[in-house]
Amino acid sequence: MRLEINAATPMLAAAGVLIVGCSLLASVPHAAAQSFAGMGMVDFEAARDSFFQSADHDGDFALSSEEQLNALGSGNADLFECDDVDGDGQCSYQEFLDSGMTVFDQFDVNRDGRLTADELQ
């Protein structure tokens, strides 16, 4: 059996490696922040959204105190802070989103619009 390699074979192999590499980095936010010199607001909001969705066990688009406490045990609590603006004892999805800008600004010490691994520690 003879294996033929045409001009497209190296490009297909490179594309496959790139896809696998990006998938691995996407699954490890801290490594991605180090590799790409920081996490922008879009990535930060995506991480917070993912946190909210996984913490909202009853699916009511609000985090009770119990849901927040259970979820915060699994990560950096400061990144997932939420201000209960209306004082109802729950963090609504909108309150969580609104709190994100404040949290991002607190961590972005050098004000470059990106969170580096050093800023996240």
PDB file of N, CA and C in Angstrom:
ATOM      1  N   MET A   1       0.849  -1.175   0.000  1.00  0.00           N
ATOM      2  CA  MET A   1       0.000   0.000   0.000  1.00  0.00           C
ATOM      3  C   MET A   1       0.888   1.229   0.000  1.00  0.00           C
ATOM      4  N   ARG A   2       0.520   2.160  -0.808  1.00  0.00           N
ATOM      5  CA  ARG A   2       1.313   3.374  -0.956  1.00  0.00           C
ATOM      6  C   ARG A   2       0.513   4.563  -0.413  1.00  0.00           C
ATOM      7  N   LEU A   3       1.117   5.345   0.463  1.00  0.00           N
ATOM      8  CA  LEU A   3       0.470   6.519   1.037  1.00  0.00           C
ATOM      9  C   LEU A   3       0.822   7.731   0.199  1.00  0.00           C
ATOM     10  N   GLU A   4      -0.200   8.402  -0.302  1.00  0.00           N
ATOM     11  CA  GLU A   4       0.043   9.600  -1.102  1.00  0.00           C
ATOM     12  C   GLU A   4      -0.245  10.829  -0.254  1.00  0.00           C
ATOM     13  N   ILE A   5       0.666  11.776  -0.314  1.00  0.00           N
ATOM     14  CA  ILE A   5       0.502  13.035   0.396  1.00  0.00           C
ATOM     15  C   ILE A   5       0.388  14.130  -0.651  1.00  0.00           C
ATOM     16  N   ASN A   6      -0.731  14.830  -0.653  1.00  0.00           N
ATOM     17  CA  ASN A   6      -0.887  15.917  -1.609  1.00  0.00           C
ATOM     18  C   ASN A   6      -0.646  17.246  -0.906  1.00  0.00           C
ATOM     19  N   ALA A   7      -0.799  18.332  -1.613  1.00  0.00           N
ATOM     20  CA  ALA A   7      -0.503  19.657  -1.068  1.00  0.00           C
ATOM     21  C   ALA A   7      -1.405  20.036   0.099  1.00  0.00           C
ATOM     22  N   ALA A   8      -2.598  19.503   0.181  1.00  0.00           N
ATOM     23  CA  ALA A   8      -3.542  19.867   1.240  1.00  0.00           C
ATOM     24  C   ALA A   8      -3.277  19.139   2.553  1.00  0.00           C
ATOM     25  N   THR A   9      -2.573  18.027   2.521  1.00  0.00           N
ATOM     26  CA  THR A   9      -2.366  17.212   3.721  1.00  0.00           C
ATOM     27  C   THR A   9      -1.706  17.985   4.864  1.00  0.00           C
ATOM     28  N   PRO A  10      -0.602  18.726   4.641  1.00  0.00           N
ATOM     29  CA  PRO A  10       0.001  19.465   5.763  1.00  0.00           C
ATOM     30  C   PRO A  10      -0.933  20.538   6.334  1.00  0.00           C
ATOM     31  N   MET A  11      -1.723  21.192   5.479  1.00  0.00           N
ATOM     32  CA  MET A  11      -2.644  22.217   5.967  1.00  0.00           C
ATOM     33  C   MET A  11      -3.760  21.610   6.794  1.00  0.00           C
ATOM     34  N   LEU A  12      -4.246  20.458   6.392  1.00  0.00           N
ATOM     35  CA  LEU A  12      -5.288  19.782   7.167  1.00  0.00           C
ATOM     36  C   LEU A  12      -4.759  19.340   8.524  1.00  0.00           C
ATOM     37  N   ALA A  13      -3.545  18.842   8.549  1.00  0.00           N
ATOM     38  CA  ALA A  13      -2.934  18.419   9.811  1.00  0.00           C
ATOM     39  C   ALA A  13      -2.746  19.612  10.739  1.00  0.00           C
ATOM     40  N   ALA A  14      -2.292  20.737  10.197  1.00  0.00           N
ATOM     41  CA  ALA A  14      -2.093  21.940  11.004  1.00  0.00           C
ATOM     42  C   ALA A  14      -3.421  22.443  11.551  1.00  0.00           C
ATOM     43  N   ALA A  15      -4.465  22.399  10.737  1.00  0.00           N
ATOM     44  CA  ALA A  15      -5.788  22.835  11.188  1.00  0.00           C
ATOM     45  C   ALA A  15      -6.284  21.948  12.324  1.00  0.00           C
ATOM     46  N   GLY A  16      -6.055  20.655  12.213  1.00  0.00           N
ATOM     47  CA  GLY A  16      -6.464  19.734  13.272  1.00  0.00           C
ATOM     48  C   GLY A  16      -5.749  20.017  14.574  1.00  0.00           C
ATOM     49  N   VAL A  17      -4.457  20.280  14.510  1.00  0.00           N
ATOM     50  CA  VAL A  17      -3.676  20.604  15.709  1.00  0.00           C
ATOM     51  C   VAL A  17      -4.175  21.898  16.324  1.00  0.00           C
ATOM     52  N   LEU A  18      -4.484  22.887  15.489  1.00  0.00           N
ATOM     53  CA  LEU A  18      -4.977  24.169  15.981  1.00  0.00           C
ATOM     54  C   LEU A  18      -6.321  24.005  16.690  1.00  0.00           C
ATOM     55  N   ILE A  19      -7.207  23.227  16.119  1.00  0.00           N
ATOM     56  CA  ILE A  19      -8.521  23.001  16.725  1.00  0.00           C
ATOM     57  C   ILE A  19      -8.385  22.309  18.079  1.00  0.00           C
ATOM     58  N   VAL A  20      -7.568  21.287  18.138  1.00  0.00           N
ATOM     59  CA  VAL A  20      -7.359  20.561  19.406  1.00  0.00           C
ATOM     60  C   VAL A  20      -6.718  21.483  20.432  1.00  0.00           C
ATOM     61  N   GLY A  21      -5.739  22.274  20.029  1.00  0.00           N
ATOM     62  CA  GLY A  21      -5.061  23.191  20.954  1.00  0.00           C
ATOM     63  C   GLY A  21      -6.007  24.232  21.514  1.00  0.00           C
ATOM     64  N   CYS A  22      -6.827  24.814  20.652  1.00  0.00           N
ATOM     65  CA  CYS A  22      -7.794  25.819  21.113  1.00  0.00           C
ATOM     66  C   CYS A  22      -8.813  25.209  22.056  1.00  0.00           C
ATOM     67  N   SER A  23      -9.242  23.993  21.771  1.00  0.00           N
ATOM     68  CA  SER A  23     -10.202  23.315  22.650  1.00  0.00           C
ATOM     69  C   SER A  23      -9.604  23.091  24.029  1.00  0.00           C
ATOM     70  N   LEU A  24      -8.358  22.691  24.071  1.00  0.00           N
ATOM     71  CA  LEU A  24      -7.704  22.462  25.364  1.00  0.00           C
ATOM     72  C   LEU A  24      -7.559  23.756  26.139  1.00  0.00           C
ATOM     73  N   LEU A  25      -7.154  24.836  25.460  1.00  0.00           N
ATOM     74  CA  LEU A  25      -6.999  26.112  26.144  1.00  0.00           C
ATOM     75  C   LEU A  25      -8.334  26.651  26.626  1.00  0.00           C
ATOM     76  N   ALA A  26      -9.373  26.461  25.854  1.00  0.00           N
ATOM     77  CA  ALA A  26     -10.695  26.945  26.256  1.00  0.00           C
ATOM     78  C   ALA A  26     -11.184  26.249  27.515  1.00  0.00           C
ATOM     79  N   SER A  27     -10.743  25.027  27.736  1.00  0.00           N
ATOM     80  CA  SER A  27     -11.188  24.296  28.916  1.00  0.00           C
ATOM     81  C   SER A  27     -10.387  24.653  30.161  1.00  0.00           C
ATOM     82  N   VAL A  28      -9.344  25.439  30.009  1.00  0.00           N
ATOM     83  CA  VAL A  28      -8.511  25.828  31.140  1.00  0.00           C
ATOM     84  C   VAL A  28      -8.338  27.344  31.123  1.00  0.00           C
ATOM     85  N   PRO A  29      -9.293  28.110  31.689  1.00  0.00           N
ATOM     86  CA  PRO A  29      -9.246  29.565  31.622  1.00  0.00           C
ATOM     87  C   PRO A  29      -7.967  30.177  32.174  1.00  0.00           C
ATOM     88  N   HIS A  30      -7.424  29.639  33.267  1.00  0.00           N
ATOM     89  CA  HIS A  30      -6.214  30.206  33.852  1.00  0.00           C
ATOM     90  C   HIS A  30      -5.046  30.058  32.885  1.00  0.00           C
ATOM     91  N   ALA A  31      -4.895  28.887  32.275  1.00  0.00           N
ATOM     92  CA  ALA A  31      -3.828  28.678  31.297  1.00  0.00           C
ATOM     93  C   ALA A  31      -4.026  29.578  30.097  1.00  0.00           C
ATOM     94  N   ALA A  32      -5.256  29.766  29.668  1.00  0.00           N
ATOM     95  CA  ALA A  32      -5.518  30.635  28.524  1.00  0.00           C
ATOM     96  C   ALA A  32      -5.141  32.069  28.856  1.00  0.00           C
ATOM     97  N   ALA A  33      -5.427  32.504  30.071  1.00  0.00           N
ATOM     98  CA  ALA A  33      -5.070  33.862  30.466  1.00  0.00           C
ATOM     99  C   ALA A  33      -3.565  34.053  30.427  1.00  0.00           C
ATOM    100  N   GLN A  34      -2.810  33.056  30.878  1.00  0.00           N
ATOM    101  CA  GLN A  34      -1.361  33.149  30.834  1.00  0.00           C
ATOM    102  C   GLN A  34      -0.853  33.098  29.400  1.00  0.00           C
ATOM    103  N   SER A  35      -1.381  32.213  28.581  1.00  0.00           N
ATOM    104  CA  SER A  35      -0.905  32.022  27.230  1.00  0.00           C
ATOM    105  C   SER A  35      -1.186  33.212  26.333  1.00  0.00           C
ATOM    106  N   PHE A  36      -2.324  33.854  26.520  1.00  0.00           N
ATOM    107  CA  PHE A  36      -2.706  34.939  25.636  1.00  0.00           C
ATOM    108  C   PHE A  36      -2.548  36.300  26.298  1.00  0.00           C
ATOM    109  N   ALA A  37      -1.725  36.390  27.311  1.00  0.00           N
ATOM    110  CA  ALA A  37      -1.386  37.639  27.990  1.00  0.00           C
ATOM    111  C   ALA A  37      -2.602  38.332  28.580  1.00  0.00           C
ATOM    112  N   GLY A  38      -3.624  37.579  28.957  1.00  0.00           N
ATOM    113  CA  GLY A  38      -4.735  38.164  29.670  1.00  0.00           C
ATOM    114  C   GLY A  38      -6.094  37.752  29.162  1.00  0.00           C
ATOM    115  N   MET A  39      -7.069  37.997  29.992  1.00  0.00           N
ATOM    116  CA  MET A  39      -8.458  37.667  29.673  1.00  0.00           C
ATOM    117  C   MET A  39      -9.206  38.979  29.509  1.00  0.00           C
ATOM    118  N   GLY A  40      -9.836  39.157  28.362  1.00  0.00           N
ATOM    119  CA  GLY A  40     -10.611  40.360  28.113  1.00  0.00           C
ATOM    120  C   GLY A  40     -11.980  40.276  28.763  1.00  0.00           C
ATOM    121  N   MET A  41     -12.728  41.349  28.653  1.00  0.00           N
ATOM    122  CA  MET A  41     -14.042  41.431  29.271  1.00  0.00           C
ATOM    123  C   MET A  41     -14.990  40.363  28.722  1.00  0.00           C
ATOM    124  N   VAL A  42     -14.912  40.070  27.434  1.00  0.00           N
ATOM    125  CA  VAL A  42     -15.804  39.070  26.844  1.00  0.00           C
ATOM    126  C   VAL A  42     -15.568  37.704  27.476  1.00  0.00           C
ATOM    127  N   ASP A  43     -14.292  37.304  27.620  1.00  0.00           N
ATOM    128  CA  ASP A  43     -13.970  36.021  28.244  1.00  0.00           C
ATOM    129  C   ASP A  43     -14.364  36.016  29.716  1.00  0.00           C
ATOM    130  N   PHE A  44     -14.170  37.141  30.381  1.00  0.00           N
ATOM    131  CA  PHE A  44     -14.533  37.264  31.787  1.00  0.00           C
ATOM    132  C   PHE A  44     -16.038  37.096  31.966  1.00  0.00           C
ATOM    133  N   GLU A  45     -16.805  37.777  31.113  1.00  0.00           N
ATOM    134  CA  GLU A  45     -18.261  37.661  31.192  1.00  0.00           C
ATOM    135  C   GLU A  45     -18.719  36.239  30.876  1.00  0.00           C
ATOM    136  N   ALA A  46     -18.046  35.582  29.935  1.00  0.00           N
ATOM    137  CA  ALA A  46     -18.393  34.195  29.607  1.00  0.00           C
ATOM    138  C   ALA A  46     -18.138  33.279  30.800  1.00  0.00           C
ATOM    139  N   ALA A  47     -17.040  33.500  31.504  1.00  0.00           N
ATOM    140  CA  ALA A  47     -16.724  32.689  32.683  1.00  0.00           C
ATOM    141  C   ALA A  47     -17.755  32.930  33.782  1.00  0.00           C
ATOM    142  N   ARG A  48     -18.141  34.183  33.977  1.00  0.00           N
ATOM    143  CA  ARG A  48     -19.154  34.495  34.993  1.00  0.00           C
ATOM    144  C   ARG A  48     -20.509  33.910  34.608  1.00  0.00           C
ATOM    145  N   ASP A  49     -20.861  33.988  33.329  1.00  0.00           N
ATOM    146  CA  ASP A  49     -22.127  33.417  32.874  1.00  0.00           C
ATOM    147  C   ASP A  49     -22.151  31.912  33.111  1.00  0.00           C
ATOM    148  N   SER A  50     -21.055  31.247  32.787  1.00  0.00           N
ATOM    149  CA  SER A  50     -20.956  29.808  32.998  1.00  0.00           C
ATOM    150  C   SER A  50     -21.116  29.474  34.480  1.00  0.00           C
ATOM    151  N   PHE A  51     -20.470  30.266  35.328  1.00  0.00           N
ATOM    152  CA  PHE A  51     -20.592  30.081  36.775  1.00  0.00           C
ATOM    153  C   PHE A  51     -22.056  30.216  37.199  1.00  0.00           C
ATOM    154  N   PHE A  52     -22.709  31.284  36.731  1.00  0.00           N
ATOM    155  CA  PHE A  52     -24.099  31.526  37.118  1.00  0.00           C
ATOM    156  C   PHE A  52     -24.989  30.374  36.692  1.00  0.00           C
ATOM    157  N   GLN A  53     -24.836  29.948  35.451  1.00  0.00           N
ATOM    158  CA  GLN A  53     -25.683  28.868  34.929  1.00  0.00           C
ATOM    159  C   GLN A  53     -25.491  27.577  35.725  1.00  0.00           C
ATOM    160  N   SER A  54     -24.255  27.272  36.092  1.00  0.00           N
ATOM    161  CA  SER A  54     -24.014  26.032  36.844  1.00  0.00           C
ATOM    162  C   SER A  54     -24.452  26.155  38.304  1.00  0.00           C
ATOM    163  N   ALA A  55     -24.450  27.371  38.840  1.00  0.00           N
ATOM    164  CA  ALA A  55     -24.838  27.575  40.238  1.00  0.00           C
ATOM    165  C   ALA A  55     -26.351  27.648  40.421  1.00  0.00           C
ATOM    166  N   ASP A  56     -27.074  28.038  39.381  1.00  0.00           N
ATOM    167  CA  ASP A  56     -28.524  28.216  39.463  1.00  0.00           C
ATOM    168  C   ASP A  56     -29.218  26.859  39.324  1.00  0.00           C
ATOM    169  N   HIS A  57     -29.191  26.081  40.400  1.00  0.00           N
ATOM    170  CA  HIS A  57     -29.708  24.711  40.366  1.00  0.00           C
ATOM    171  C   HIS A  57     -31.203  24.619  40.104  1.00  0.00           C
ATOM    172  N   ASP A  58     -31.970  25.585  40.586  1.00  0.00           N
ATOM    173  CA  ASP A  58     -33.414  25.495  40.384  1.00  0.00           C
ATOM    174  C   ASP A  58     -33.888  26.179  39.090  1.00  0.00           C
ATOM    175  N   GLY A  59     -32.971  26.799  38.360  1.00  0.00           N
ATOM    176  CA  GLY A  59     -33.302  27.373  37.061  1.00  0.00           C
ATOM    177  C   GLY A  59     -34.194  28.596  37.093  1.00  0.00           C
ATOM    178  N   ASP A  60     -34.185  29.343  38.198  1.00  0.00           N
ATOM    179  CA  ASP A  60     -35.063  30.512  38.295  1.00  0.00           C
ATOM    180  C   ASP A  60     -34.362  31.820  37.903  1.00  0.00           C
ATOM    181  N   PHE A  61     -33.181  31.743  37.339  1.00  0.00           N
ATOM    182  CA  PHE A  61     -32.385  32.900  36.905  1.00  0.00           C
ATOM    183  C   PHE A  61     -32.077  33.842  38.054  1.00  0.00           C
ATOM    184  N   ALA A  62     -31.887  33.269  39.227  1.00  0.00           N
ATOM    185  CA  ALA A  62     -31.471  34.006  40.412  1.00  0.00           C
ATOM    186  C   ALA A  62     -30.706  33.032  41.301  1.00  0.00           C
ATOM    187  N   LEU A  63     -29.718  33.562  41.998  1.00  0.00           N
ATOM    188  CA  LEU A  63     -28.948  32.714  42.907  1.00  0.00           C
ATOM    189  C   LEU A  63     -29.345  33.027  44.341  1.00  0.00           C
ATOM    190  N   SER A  64     -29.839  32.019  45.029  1.00  0.00           N
ATOM    191  CA  SER A  64     -30.133  32.168  46.449  1.00  0.00           C
ATOM    192  C   SER A  64     -28.804  32.184  47.205  1.00  0.00           C
ATOM    193  N   SER A  65     -28.859  32.557  48.457  1.00  0.00           N
ATOM    194  CA  SER A  65     -27.641  32.550  49.273  1.00  0.00           C
ATOM    195  C   SER A  65     -27.028  31.161  49.313  1.00  0.00           C
ATOM    196  N   GLU A  66     -27.879  30.151  49.418  1.00  0.00           N
ATOM    197  CA  GLU A  66     -27.398  28.768  49.462  1.00  0.00           C
ATOM    198  C   GLU A  66     -26.712  28.374  48.151  1.00  0.00           C
ATOM    199  N   GLU A  67     -27.316  28.733  47.022  1.00  0.00           N
ATOM    200  CA  GLU A  67     -26.711  28.414  45.726  1.00  0.00           C
ATOM    201  C   GLU A  67     -25.362  29.114  45.569  1.00  0.00           C
ATOM    202  N   GLN A  68     -25.288  30.369  46.007  1.00  0.00           N
ATOM    203  CA  GLN A  68     -24.029  31.102  45.920  1.00  0.00           C
ATOM    204  C   GLN A  68     -22.946  30.458  46.777  1.00  0.00           C
ATOM    205  N   LEU A  69     -23.281  30.131  48.008  1.00  0.00           N
ATOM    206  CA  LEU A  69     -22.297  29.530  48.914  1.00  0.00           C
ATOM    207  C   LEU A  69     -21.808  28.182  48.387  1.00  0.00           C
ATOM    208  N   ASN A  70     -22.718  27.362  47.892  1.00  0.00           N
ATOM    209  CA  ASN A  70     -22.324  26.061  47.339  1.00  0.00           C
ATOM    210  C   ASN A  70     -21.405  26.223  46.146  1.00  0.00           C
ATOM    211  N   ALA A  71     -21.711  27.159  45.273  1.00  0.00           N
ATOM    212  CA  ALA A  71     -20.918  27.348  44.056  1.00  0.00           C
ATOM    213  C   ALA A  71     -19.574  28.007  44.338  1.00  0.00           C
ATOM    214  N   LEU A  72     -19.512  28.896  45.296  1.00  0.00           N
ATOM    215  CA  LEU A  72     -18.273  29.620  45.569  1.00  0.00           C
ATOM    216  C   LEU A  72     -17.187  28.731  46.161  1.00  0.00           C
ATOM    217  N   GLY A  73     -17.570  27.598  46.706  1.00  0.00           N
ATOM    218  CA  GLY A  73     -16.575  26.683  47.229  1.00  0.00           C
ATOM    219  C   GLY A  73     -15.718  26.075  46.144  1.00  0.00           C
ATOM    220  N   SER A  74     -16.137  26.216  44.887  1.00  0.00           N
ATOM    221  CA  SER A  74     -15.412  25.580  43.795  1.00  0.00           C
ATOM    222  C   SER A  74     -14.519  26.528  43.011  1.00  0.00           C
ATOM    223  N   GLY A  75     -14.388  27.768  43.436  1.00  0.00           N
ATOM    224  CA  GLY A  75     -13.556  28.678  42.657  1.00  0.00           C
ATOM    225  C   GLY A  75     -13.198  29.920  43.433  1.00  0.00           C
ATOM    226  N   ASN A  76     -12.618  30.899  42.731  1.00  0.00           N
ATOM    227  CA  ASN A  76     -12.215  32.163  43.322  1.00  0.00           C
ATOM    228  C   ASN A  76     -13.459  33.006  43.576  1.00  0.00           C
ATOM    229  N   ALA A  77     -13.854  33.115  44.817  1.00  0.00           N
ATOM    230  CA  ALA A  77     -15.097  33.787  45.182  1.00  0.00           C
ATOM    231  C   ALA A  77     -15.141  35.236  44.728  1.00  0.00           C
ATOM    232  N   ASP A  78     -14.020  35.929  44.756  1.00  0.00           N
ATOM    233  CA  ASP A  78     -14.001  37.336  44.379  1.00  0.00           C
ATOM    234  C   ASP A  78     -14.435  37.563  42.934  1.00  0.00           C
ATOM    235  N   LEU A  79     -14.139  36.619  42.054  1.00  0.00           N
ATOM    236  CA  LEU A  79     -14.495  36.766  40.642  1.00  0.00           C
ATOM    237  C   LEU A  79     -15.995  36.669  40.407  1.00  0.00           C
ATOM    238  N   PHE A  80     -16.714  36.082  41.363  1.00  0.00           N
ATOM    239  CA  PHE A  80     -18.133  35.805  41.165  1.00  0.00           C
ATOM    240  C   PHE A  80     -19.017  36.560  42.149  1.00  0.00           C
ATOM    241  N   GLU A  81     -18.528  37.688  42.625  1.00  0.00           N
ATOM    242  CA  GLU A  81     -19.310  38.509  43.545  1.00  0.00           C
ATOM    243  C   GLU A  81     -20.554  39.049  42.854  1.00  0.00           C
ATOM    244  N   CYS A  82     -21.568  39.299  43.657  1.00  0.00           N
ATOM    245  CA  CYS A  82     -22.818  39.855  43.128  1.00  0.00           C
ATOM    246  C   CYS A  82     -23.405  40.797  44.165  1.00  0.00           C
ATOM    247  N   ASP A  83     -23.791  41.994  43.716  1.00  0.00           N
ATOM    248  CA  ASP A  83     -24.456  42.956  44.584  1.00  0.00           C
ATOM    249  C   ASP A  83     -25.962  42.759  44.490  1.00  0.00           C
ATOM    250  N   ASP A  84     -26.584  42.479  45.623  1.00  0.00           N
ATOM    251  CA  ASP A  84     -28.041  42.329  45.687  1.00  0.00           C
ATOM    252  C   ASP A  84     -28.639  43.728  45.805  1.00  0.00           C
ATOM    253  N   VAL A  85     -28.769  44.411  44.693  1.00  0.00           N
ATOM    254  CA  VAL A  85     -29.177  45.809  44.658  1.00  0.00           C
ATOM    255  C   VAL A  85     -30.564  46.026  45.238  1.00  0.00           C
ATOM    256  N   ASP A  86     -31.516  45.147  44.936  1.00  0.00           N
ATOM    257  CA  ASP A  86     -32.881  45.342  45.414  1.00  0.00           C
ATOM    258  C   ASP A  86     -33.121  44.771  46.818  1.00  0.00           C
ATOM    259  N   GLY A  87     -32.105  44.115  47.384  1.00  0.00           N
ATOM    260  CA  GLY A  87     -32.199  43.634  48.760  1.00  0.00           C
ATOM    261  C   GLY A  87     -33.182  42.508  49.002  1.00  0.00           C
ATOM    262  N   ASP A  88     -33.482  41.719  47.962  1.00  0.00           N
ATOM    263  CA  ASP A  88     -34.457  40.635  48.132  1.00  0.00           C
ATOM    264  C   ASP A  88     -33.826  39.323  48.598  1.00  0.00           C
ATOM    265  N   GLY A  89     -32.522  39.353  48.870  1.00  0.00           N
ATOM    266  CA  GLY A  89     -31.855  38.155  49.362  1.00  0.00           C
ATOM    267  C   GLY A  89     -31.409  37.207  48.263  1.00  0.00           C
ATOM    268  N   GLN A  90     -31.628  37.595  47.006  1.00  0.00           N
ATOM    269  CA  GLN A  90     -31.204  36.780  45.876  1.00  0.00           C
ATOM    270  C   GLN A  90     -30.427  37.648  44.898  1.00  0.00           C
ATOM    271  N   CYS A  91     -29.573  36.996  44.156  1.00  0.00           N
ATOM    272  CA  CYS A  91     -28.806  37.679  43.126  1.00  0.00           C
ATOM    273  C   CYS A  91     -29.443  37.335  41.784  1.00  0.00           C
ATOM    274  N   SER A  92     -30.193  38.277  41.227  1.00  0.00           N
ATOM    275  CA  SER A  92     -30.813  38.014  39.927  1.00  0.00           C
ATOM    276  C   SER A  92     -29.733  37.974  38.852  1.00  0.00           C
ATOM    277  N   TYR A  93     -30.091  37.417  37.733  1.00  0.00           N
ATOM    278  CA  TYR A  93     -29.132  37.342  36.624  1.00  0.00           C
ATOM    279  C   TYR A  93     -28.684  38.743  36.223  1.00  0.00           C
ATOM    280  N   GLN A  94     -29.608  39.705  36.200  1.00  0.00           N
ATOM    281  CA  GLN A  94     -29.250  41.083  35.831  1.00  0.00           C
ATOM    282  C   GLN A  94     -28.305  41.693  36.860  1.00  0.00           C
ATOM    283  N   GLU A  95     -28.564  41.456  38.141  1.00  0.00           N
ATOM    284  CA  GLU A  95     -27.664  41.966  39.180  1.00  0.00           C
ATOM    285  C   GLU A  95     -26.280  41.339  39.043  1.00  0.00           C
ATOM    286  N   PHE A  96     -26.249  40.067  38.694  1.00  0.00           N
ATOM    287  CA  PHE A  96     -24.986  39.371  38.512  1.00  0.00           C
ATOM    288  C   PHE A  96     -24.212  39.968  37.340  1.00  0.00           C
ATOM    289  N   LEU A  97     -24.909  40.214  36.226  1.00  0.00           N
ATOM    290  CA  LEU A  97     -24.259  40.817  35.063  1.00  0.00           C
ATOM    291  C   LEU A  97     -23.747  42.213  35.379  1.00  0.00           C
ATOM    292  N   ASP A  98     -24.566  43.006  36.027  1.00  0.00           N
ATOM    293  CA  ASP A  98     -24.181  44.369  36.369  1.00  0.00           C
ATOM    294  C   ASP A  98     -22.976  44.391  37.308  1.00  0.00           C
ATOM    295  N   SER A  99     -22.897  43.441  38.215  1.00  0.00           N
ATOM    296  CA  SER A  99     -21.779  43.361  39.155  1.00  0.00           C
ATOM    297  C   SER A  99     -20.476  43.011  38.449  1.00  0.00           C
ATOM    298  N   GLY A 100     -20.578  42.356  37.306  1.00  0.00           N
ATOM    299  CA  GLY A 100     -19.386  41.918  36.578  1.00  0.00           C
ATOM    300  C   GLY A 100     -18.446  43.044  36.218  1.00  0.00           C
ATOM    301  N   MET A 101     -18.982  44.179  35.782  1.00  0.00           N
ATOM    302  CA  MET A 101     -18.127  45.320  35.423  1.00  0.00           C
ATOM    303  C   MET A 101     -17.338  45.818  36.626  1.00  0.00           C
ATOM    304  N   THR A 102     -18.003  45.888  37.762  1.00  0.00           N
ATOM    305  CA  THR A 102     -17.340  46.342  38.980  1.00  0.00           C
ATOM    306  C   THR A 102     -16.216  45.383  39.362  1.00  0.00           C
ATOM    307  N   VAL A 103     -16.506  44.096  39.309  1.00  0.00           N
ATOM    308  CA  VAL A 103     -15.499  43.079  39.650  1.00  0.00           C
ATOM    309  C   VAL A 103     -14.319  43.156  38.673  1.00  0.00           C
ATOM    310  N   PHE A 104     -14.622  43.249  37.375  1.00  0.00           N
ATOM    311  CA  PHE A 104     -13.564  43.325  36.368  1.00  0.00           C
ATOM    312  C   PHE A 104     -12.669  44.538  36.641  1.00  0.00           C
ATOM    313  N   ASP A 105     -13.279  45.684  36.895  1.00  0.00           N
ATOM    314  CA  ASP A 105     -12.507  46.903  37.152  1.00  0.00           C
ATOM    315  C   ASP A 105     -11.647  46.784  38.403  1.00  0.00           C
ATOM    316  N   GLN A 106     -12.129  46.071  39.429  1.00  0.00           N
ATOM    317  CA  GLN A 106     -11.344  45.889  40.646  1.00  0.00           C
ATOM    318  C   GLN A 106     -10.090  45.064  40.375  1.00  0.00           C
ATOM    319  N   PHE A 107     -10.206  44.046  39.534  1.00  0.00           N
ATOM    320  CA  PHE A 107      -9.068  43.177  39.239  1.00  0.00           C
ATOM    321  C   PHE A 107      -8.118  43.778  38.209  1.00  0.00           C
ATOM    322  N   ASP A 108      -8.620  44.585  37.290  1.00  0.00           N
ATOM    323  CA  ASP A 108      -7.801  45.152  36.216  1.00  0.00           C
ATOM    324  C   ASP A 108      -6.991  46.323  36.758  1.00  0.00           C
ATOM    325  N   VAL A 109      -5.979  45.996  37.539  1.00  0.00           N
ATOM    326  CA  VAL A 109      -5.184  46.990  38.256  1.00  0.00           C
ATOM    327  C   VAL A 109      -4.521  47.989  37.305  1.00  0.00           C
ATOM    328  N   ASN A 110      -3.964  47.519  36.203  1.00  0.00           N
ATOM    329  CA  ASN A 110      -3.255  48.421  35.289  1.00  0.00           C
ATOM    330  C   ASN A 110      -4.166  49.085  34.262  1.00  0.00           C
ATOM    331  N   ARG A 111      -5.461  48.804  34.312  1.00  0.00           N
ATOM    332  CA  ARG A 111      -6.492  49.422  33.476  1.00  0.00           C
ATOM    333  C   ARG A 111      -6.249  49.253  31.971  1.00  0.00           C
ATOM    334  N   ASP A 112      -5.744  48.059  31.594  1.00  0.00           N
ATOM    335  CA  ASP A 112      -5.502  47.809  30.167  1.00  0.00           C
ATOM    336  C   ASP A 112      -6.648  47.039  29.508  1.00  0.00           C
ATOM    337  N   GLY A 113      -7.707  46.757  30.256  1.00  0.00           N
ATOM    338  CA  GLY A 113      -8.850  46.054  29.701  1.00  0.00           C
ATOM    339  C   GLY A 113      -8.659  44.552  29.611  1.00  0.00           C
ATOM    340  N   ARG A 114      -7.621  44.034  30.239  1.00  0.00           N
ATOM    341  CA  ARG A 114      -7.342  42.599  30.239  1.00  0.00           C
ATOM    342  C   ARG A 114      -6.926  42.184  31.651  1.00  0.00           C
ATOM    343  N   LEU A 115      -7.339  40.980  32.044  1.00  0.00           N
ATOM    344  CA  LEU A 115      -6.947  40.446  33.348  1.00  0.00           C
ATOM    345  C   LEU A 115      -5.833  39.449  33.135  1.00  0.00           C
ATOM    346  N   THR A 116      -4.681  39.746  33.686  1.00  0.00           N
ATOM    347  CA  THR A 116      -3.547  38.831  33.576  1.00  0.00           C
ATOM    348  C   THR A 116      -3.602  37.815  34.717  1.00  0.00           C
ATOM    349  N   ALA A 117      -2.790  36.786  34.604  1.00  0.00           N
ATOM    350  CA  ALA A 117      -2.717  35.769  35.654  1.00  0.00           C
ATOM    351  C   ALA A 117      -2.296  36.424  36.978  1.00  0.00           C
ATOM    352  N   ASP A 118      -1.379  37.392  36.914  1.00  0.00           N
ATOM    353  CA  ASP A 118      -0.948  38.082  38.138  1.00  0.00           C
ATOM    354  C   ASP A 118      -2.085  38.872  38.781  1.00  0.00           C
ATOM    355  N   GLU A 119      -2.908  39.519  37.948  1.00  0.00           N
ATOM    356  CA  GLU A 119      -4.031  40.290  38.488  1.00  0.00           C
ATOM    357  C   GLU A 119      -5.095  39.387  39.088  1.00  0.00           C
ATOM    358  N   LEU A 120      -5.205  38.159  38.593  1.00  0.00           N
ATOM    359  CA  LEU A 120      -6.224  37.239  39.088  1.00  0.00           C
ATOM    360  C   LEU A 120      -5.804  36.523  40.360  1.00  0.00           C
ATOM    361  N   GLN A 121      -4.564  36.663  40.773  1.00  0.00           N
ATOM    362  CA  GLN A 121      -4.094  35.979  41.989  1.00  0.00           C
ATOM    363  C   GLN A 121      -4.376  36.775  43.220  1.00  0.00           C
TER     364      GLN A 121
END
